[in-house]
Amino acid sequence: MDNSFSNRVKNLIKGIPYGMVATYGQIATSAGNPRAARQVSWILHSSSRKYNLPWHRVINSQGYISLPRFEGYELQKQLLIDEGVEFDENDLIDLKKYQYRHLKQD
């Protein structure tokens, strides 16, 4: 079994439940490298389609979508809305309500 950082990240992302979100840093920390939030972003970018990852459930630590407008932002927001995640008037997600706090390795 491959227990690389990349595989740990993919498994954690797969474990984020419908209607919940996790942050890049939270995933990096849970995967064993708290300083690797950017690497989590790269893994999402390069592996989401191949491994059918729920990429849209990963957001930044402030509760915002990190993708730029017209480059995936609208799709990510719509996918989250479709799962019942609410945004405030500034497009902020309430992490107290929607952040999944039980990330763990299989």
N, C-alpha and C. Protein backbone atom coordinates (compact mmCIF):
# COMPACT_ATOMS: atom_id res chain seq x y z
N MET A 1 0.84 -1.19 0.00
CA MET A 1 0.00 0.00 0.00
C MET A 1 0.89 1.25 0.00
N ASP A 2 0.58 2.16 -0.85
CA ASP A 2 1.34 3.41 -0.98
C ASP A 2 0.84 4.41 0.06
N ASN A 3 1.70 4.72 1.02
CA ASN A 3 1.31 5.64 2.09
C ASN A 3 1.98 7.00 1.90
N SER A 4 2.17 7.41 0.66
CA SER A 4 2.80 8.69 0.37
C SER A 4 1.89 9.84 0.81
N PHE A 5 2.50 11.00 0.95
CA PHE A 5 1.72 12.19 1.29
C PHE A 5 0.59 12.38 0.28
N SER A 6 0.90 12.23 -0.98
CA SER A 6 -0.11 12.41 -2.04
C SER A 6 -1.30 11.47 -1.86
N ASN A 7 -1.03 10.21 -1.58
CA ASN A 7 -2.13 9.26 -1.38
C ASN A 7 -2.91 9.56 -0.11
N ARG A 8 -2.21 9.98 0.95
CA ARG A 8 -2.92 10.35 2.17
C ARG A 8 -3.86 11.52 1.91
N VAL A 9 -3.38 12.51 1.14
CA VAL A 9 -4.22 13.67 0.79
C VAL A 9 -5.45 13.21 0.01
N LYS A 10 -5.24 12.40 -0.99
CA LYS A 10 -6.38 11.93 -1.81
C LYS A 10 -7.40 11.19 -0.95
N ASN A 11 -6.94 10.34 -0.05
CA ASN A 11 -7.86 9.60 0.82
C ASN A 11 -8.63 10.53 1.75
N LEU A 12 -7.95 11.55 2.27
CA LEU A 12 -8.63 12.52 3.14
C LEU A 12 -9.70 13.28 2.37
N ILE A 13 -9.39 13.71 1.17
CA ILE A 13 -10.35 14.45 0.35
C ILE A 13 -11.56 13.58 0.04
N LYS A 14 -11.31 12.32 -0.27
CA LYS A 14 -12.43 11.39 -0.54
C LYS A 14 -13.34 11.25 0.67
N GLY A 15 -12.79 11.48 1.87
CA GLY A 15 -13.57 11.31 3.09
C GLY A 15 -14.38 12.52 3.53
N ILE A 16 -14.28 13.64 2.79
CA ILE A 16 -15.08 14.82 3.16
C ILE A 16 -16.53 14.54 2.77
N PRO A 17 -17.44 14.55 3.71
CA PRO A 17 -18.83 14.20 3.39
C PRO A 17 -19.55 15.26 2.55
N TYR A 18 -20.57 14.80 1.89
CA TYR A 18 -21.50 15.64 1.14
C TYR A 18 -21.97 16.77 2.04
N GLY A 19 -21.95 18.00 1.53
CA GLY A 19 -22.45 19.14 2.28
C GLY A 19 -21.48 19.72 3.30
N MET A 20 -20.24 19.24 3.27
CA MET A 20 -19.23 19.72 4.21
C MET A 20 -18.01 20.18 3.40
N VAL A 21 -17.12 20.95 4.04
CA VAL A 21 -15.89 21.40 3.40
C VAL A 21 -14.72 21.15 4.34
N ALA A 22 -13.53 21.18 3.77
CA ALA A 22 -12.28 21.14 4.54
C ALA A 22 -11.34 22.15 3.90
N THR A 23 -10.35 22.59 4.66
CA THR A 23 -9.41 23.56 4.12
C THR A 23 -8.14 22.87 3.64
N TYR A 24 -7.42 23.55 2.75
CA TYR A 24 -6.15 23.02 2.25
C TYR A 24 -5.20 22.71 3.41
N GLY A 25 -5.07 23.65 4.33
CA GLY A 25 -4.17 23.47 5.47
C GLY A 25 -4.61 22.35 6.40
N GLN A 26 -5.88 22.22 6.59
CA GLN A 26 -6.43 21.16 7.43
C GLN A 26 -6.07 19.80 6.84
N ILE A 27 -6.21 19.67 5.53
CA ILE A 27 -5.89 18.41 4.86
C ILE A 27 -4.39 18.15 4.95
N ALA A 28 -3.58 19.17 4.71
CA ALA A 28 -2.12 19.01 4.79
C ALA A 28 -1.72 18.55 6.19
N THR A 29 -2.27 19.17 7.21
CA THR A 29 -1.95 18.80 8.59
C THR A 29 -2.37 17.36 8.87
N SER A 30 -3.58 17.00 8.48
CA SER A 30 -4.08 15.64 8.71
C SER A 30 -3.28 14.60 7.94
N ALA A 31 -2.69 15.00 6.81
CA ALA A 31 -1.88 14.08 6.02
C ALA A 31 -0.43 14.02 6.50
N GLY A 32 -0.09 14.83 7.51
CA GLY A 32 1.22 14.73 8.11
C GLY A 32 2.21 15.84 7.79
N ASN A 33 1.77 16.86 7.05
CA ASN A 33 2.69 17.96 6.73
C ASN A 33 1.94 19.29 6.80
N PRO A 34 1.91 19.90 7.97
CA PRO A 34 1.12 21.13 8.16
C PRO A 34 1.54 22.30 7.27
N ARG A 35 2.72 22.23 6.68
CA ARG A 35 3.20 23.33 5.85
C ARG A 35 2.97 23.08 4.35
N ALA A 36 2.13 22.12 4.01
CA ALA A 36 1.99 21.71 2.61
C ALA A 36 0.63 22.03 2.01
N ALA A 37 0.01 23.12 2.42
CA ALA A 37 -1.30 23.48 1.86
C ALA A 37 -1.22 23.68 0.35
N ARG A 38 -0.14 24.29 -0.14
CA ARG A 38 0.00 24.48 -1.59
C ARG A 38 0.16 23.16 -2.31
N GLN A 39 0.80 22.20 -1.67
CA GLN A 39 0.94 20.88 -2.28
C GLN A 39 -0.43 20.20 -2.38
N VAL A 40 -1.28 20.41 -1.38
CA VAL A 40 -2.64 19.88 -1.44
C VAL A 40 -3.36 20.46 -2.65
N SER A 41 -3.19 21.75 -2.87
CA SER A 41 -3.80 22.40 -4.03
C SER A 41 -3.31 21.77 -5.33
N TRP A 42 -2.03 21.51 -5.42
CA TRP A 42 -1.45 20.91 -6.62
C TRP A 42 -2.00 19.50 -6.83
N ILE A 43 -2.09 18.72 -5.75
CA ILE A 43 -2.63 17.36 -5.85
C ILE A 43 -4.07 17.40 -6.34
N LEU A 44 -4.85 18.33 -5.82
CA LEU A 44 -6.23 18.49 -6.29
C LEU A 44 -6.26 18.80 -7.78
N HIS A 45 -5.43 19.74 -8.19
CA HIS A 45 -5.41 20.16 -9.59
C HIS A 45 -5.01 19.00 -10.51
N SER A 46 -4.04 18.22 -10.08
CA SER A 46 -3.51 17.17 -10.97
C SER A 46 -4.24 15.84 -10.86
N SER A 47 -4.99 15.61 -9.79
CA SER A 47 -5.55 14.28 -9.54
C SER A 47 -7.06 14.20 -9.43
N SER A 48 -7.75 15.32 -9.36
CA SER A 48 -9.19 15.28 -9.10
C SER A 48 -9.97 14.46 -10.10
N ARG A 49 -9.72 14.68 -11.36
CA ARG A 49 -10.47 13.96 -12.39
C ARG A 49 -10.09 12.47 -12.40
N LYS A 50 -8.80 12.20 -12.36
CA LYS A 50 -8.32 10.81 -12.43
C LYS A 50 -8.85 9.96 -11.28
N TYR A 51 -8.90 10.54 -10.07
CA TYR A 51 -9.30 9.78 -8.89
C TYR A 51 -10.71 10.13 -8.41
N ASN A 52 -11.44 10.89 -9.21
CA ASN A 52 -12.82 11.27 -8.89
C ASN A 52 -12.93 11.87 -7.49
N LEU A 53 -12.06 12.84 -7.23
CA LEU A 53 -12.05 13.49 -5.92
C LEU A 53 -13.12 14.58 -5.85
N PRO A 54 -13.76 14.73 -4.70
CA PRO A 54 -14.72 15.83 -4.53
C PRO A 54 -13.97 17.15 -4.28
N TRP A 55 -13.26 17.60 -5.28
CA TRP A 55 -12.38 18.77 -5.22
C TRP A 55 -13.10 20.02 -4.74
N HIS A 56 -14.37 20.11 -5.07
CA HIS A 56 -15.14 21.31 -4.76
C HIS A 56 -15.34 21.50 -3.25
N ARG A 57 -15.08 20.48 -2.46
CA ARG A 57 -15.26 20.57 -1.01
C ARG A 57 -14.03 21.11 -0.28
N VAL A 58 -13.01 21.50 -1.03
CA VAL A 58 -11.78 22.02 -0.41
C VAL A 58 -11.70 23.52 -0.69
N ILE A 59 -11.59 24.28 0.39
CA ILE A 59 -11.58 25.74 0.30
C ILE A 59 -10.43 26.30 1.14
N ASN A 60 -10.27 27.60 1.14
CA ASN A 60 -9.15 28.17 1.92
C ASN A 60 -9.54 28.34 3.39
N SER A 61 -8.55 28.67 4.19
CA SER A 61 -8.74 28.70 5.65
C SER A 61 -9.63 29.83 6.13
N GLN A 62 -9.89 30.82 5.29
CA GLN A 62 -10.80 31.89 5.68
C GLN A 62 -12.26 31.55 5.38
N GLY A 63 -12.49 30.49 4.60
CA GLY A 63 -13.85 30.10 4.25
C GLY A 63 -14.27 30.53 2.85
N TYR A 64 -13.29 30.88 2.04
CA TYR A 64 -13.56 31.31 0.66
C TYR A 64 -13.08 30.28 -0.34
N ILE A 65 -13.68 30.32 -1.51
CA ILE A 65 -13.20 29.53 -2.65
C ILE A 65 -11.93 30.21 -3.16
N SER A 66 -10.91 29.42 -3.42
CA SER A 66 -9.63 29.99 -3.87
C SER A 66 -9.53 30.15 -5.38
N LEU A 67 -10.33 29.42 -6.11
CA LEU A 67 -10.24 29.53 -7.58
C LEU A 67 -10.67 30.91 -8.04
N PRO A 68 -10.01 31.43 -9.08
CA PRO A 68 -10.41 32.74 -9.62
C PRO A 68 -11.77 32.66 -10.32
N ARG A 69 -12.43 33.78 -10.37
CA ARG A 69 -13.69 33.86 -11.12
C ARG A 69 -13.42 33.54 -12.58
N PHE A 70 -14.36 32.83 -13.18
CA PHE A 70 -14.31 32.39 -14.57
C PHE A 70 -13.21 31.36 -14.83
N GLU A 71 -12.64 30.83 -13.77
CA GLU A 71 -11.64 29.75 -13.89
C GLU A 71 -11.96 28.63 -12.91
N GLY A 72 -13.23 28.37 -12.71
CA GLY A 72 -13.67 27.29 -11.84
C GLY A 72 -14.43 27.76 -10.61
N TYR A 73 -14.33 29.03 -10.29
CA TYR A 73 -14.98 29.57 -9.10
C TYR A 73 -16.49 29.31 -9.12
N GLU A 74 -17.12 29.67 -10.22
CA GLU A 74 -18.59 29.56 -10.32
C GLU A 74 -19.04 28.10 -10.23
N LEU A 75 -18.29 27.19 -10.86
CA LEU A 75 -18.64 25.77 -10.80
C LEU A 75 -18.50 25.25 -9.37
N GLN A 76 -17.41 25.59 -8.71
CA GLN A 76 -17.21 25.14 -7.34
C GLN A 76 -18.32 25.66 -6.43
N LYS A 77 -18.65 26.93 -6.57
CA LYS A 77 -19.70 27.51 -5.75
C LYS A 77 -21.04 26.80 -6.00
N GLN A 78 -21.36 26.55 -7.26
CA GLN A 78 -22.63 25.90 -7.57
C GLN A 78 -22.68 24.47 -7.04
N LEU A 79 -21.57 23.74 -7.15
CA LEU A 79 -21.54 22.38 -6.62
C LEU A 79 -21.75 22.38 -5.11
N LEU A 80 -21.16 23.33 -4.42
CA LEU A 80 -21.36 23.43 -2.97
C LEU A 80 -22.79 23.82 -2.63
N ILE A 81 -23.35 24.77 -3.35
CA ILE A 81 -24.75 25.16 -3.13
C ILE A 81 -25.66 23.97 -3.36
N ASP A 82 -25.38 23.19 -4.40
CA ASP A 82 -26.18 22.00 -4.69
C ASP A 82 -26.14 20.99 -3.54
N GLU A 83 -25.07 21.03 -2.74
CA GLU A 83 -24.95 20.13 -1.59
C GLU A 83 -25.50 20.77 -0.31
N GLY A 84 -26.04 21.98 -0.42
CA GLY A 84 -26.65 22.63 0.74
C GLY A 84 -25.74 23.57 1.50
N VAL A 85 -24.51 23.79 1.00
CA VAL A 85 -23.59 24.72 1.66
C VAL A 85 -24.05 26.14 1.34
N GLU A 86 -24.15 26.96 2.37
CA GLU A 86 -24.62 28.34 2.20
C GLU A 86 -23.44 29.31 2.18
N PHE A 87 -23.60 30.36 1.40
CA PHE A 87 -22.62 31.44 1.31
C PHE A 87 -23.28 32.71 1.81
N ASP A 88 -22.50 33.56 2.49
CA ASP A 88 -23.06 34.85 2.90
C ASP A 88 -22.95 35.85 1.74
N GLU A 89 -23.32 37.09 2.00
CA GLU A 89 -23.34 38.10 0.94
C GLU A 89 -21.94 38.40 0.38
N ASN A 90 -20.89 37.98 1.09
CA ASN A 90 -19.52 38.17 0.61
C ASN A 90 -18.92 36.89 0.05
N ASP A 91 -19.76 35.89 -0.18
CA ASP A 91 -19.35 34.57 -0.68
C ASP A 91 -18.48 33.81 0.31
N LEU A 92 -18.70 34.05 1.58
CA LEU A 92 -17.98 33.37 2.64
C LEU A 92 -18.80 32.18 3.14
N ILE A 93 -18.12 31.06 3.38
CA ILE A 93 -18.74 29.88 3.96
C ILE A 93 -18.47 29.90 5.46
N ASP A 94 -19.48 29.65 6.25
CA ASP A 94 -19.33 29.61 7.71
C ASP A 94 -18.65 28.30 8.10
N LEU A 95 -17.35 28.38 8.43
CA LEU A 95 -16.60 27.18 8.77
C LEU A 95 -17.09 26.53 10.07
N LYS A 96 -17.65 27.32 10.97
CA LYS A 96 -18.19 26.72 12.21
C LYS A 96 -19.34 25.77 11.88
N LYS A 97 -20.03 26.05 10.83
CA LYS A 97 -21.19 25.24 10.45
C LYS A 97 -20.84 24.13 9.45
N TYR A 98 -19.96 24.42 8.49
CA TYR A 98 -19.75 23.49 7.37
C TYR A 98 -18.40 22.79 7.33
N GLN A 99 -17.46 23.18 8.21
CA GLN A 99 -16.15 22.53 8.15
C GLN A 99 -16.21 21.15 8.77
N TYR A 100 -15.75 20.17 8.00
CA TYR A 100 -15.68 18.79 8.50
C TYR A 100 -14.44 18.67 9.37
N ARG A 101 -14.62 18.33 10.60
CA ARG A 101 -13.51 18.33 11.56
C ARG A 101 -13.03 16.93 11.95
N HIS A 102 -13.47 15.93 11.23
CA HIS A 102 -13.14 14.56 11.61
C HIS A 102 -12.32 13.84 10.52
N LEU A 103 -11.45 14.60 9.84
CA LEU A 103 -10.62 13.99 8.81
C LEU A 103 -9.72 12.94 9.45
N LYS A 104 -9.65 11.79 8.82
CA LYS A 104 -8.75 10.75 9.32
C LYS A 104 -8.36 9.83 8.17
N GLN A 105 -7.23 9.20 8.35
CA GLN A 105 -6.72 8.26 7.36
C GLN A 105 -7.47 6.95 7.47
N ASP A 106 -7.60 6.26 6.33
CA ASP A 106 -8.21 4.91 6.35
C ASP A 106 -7.23 3.90 6.90
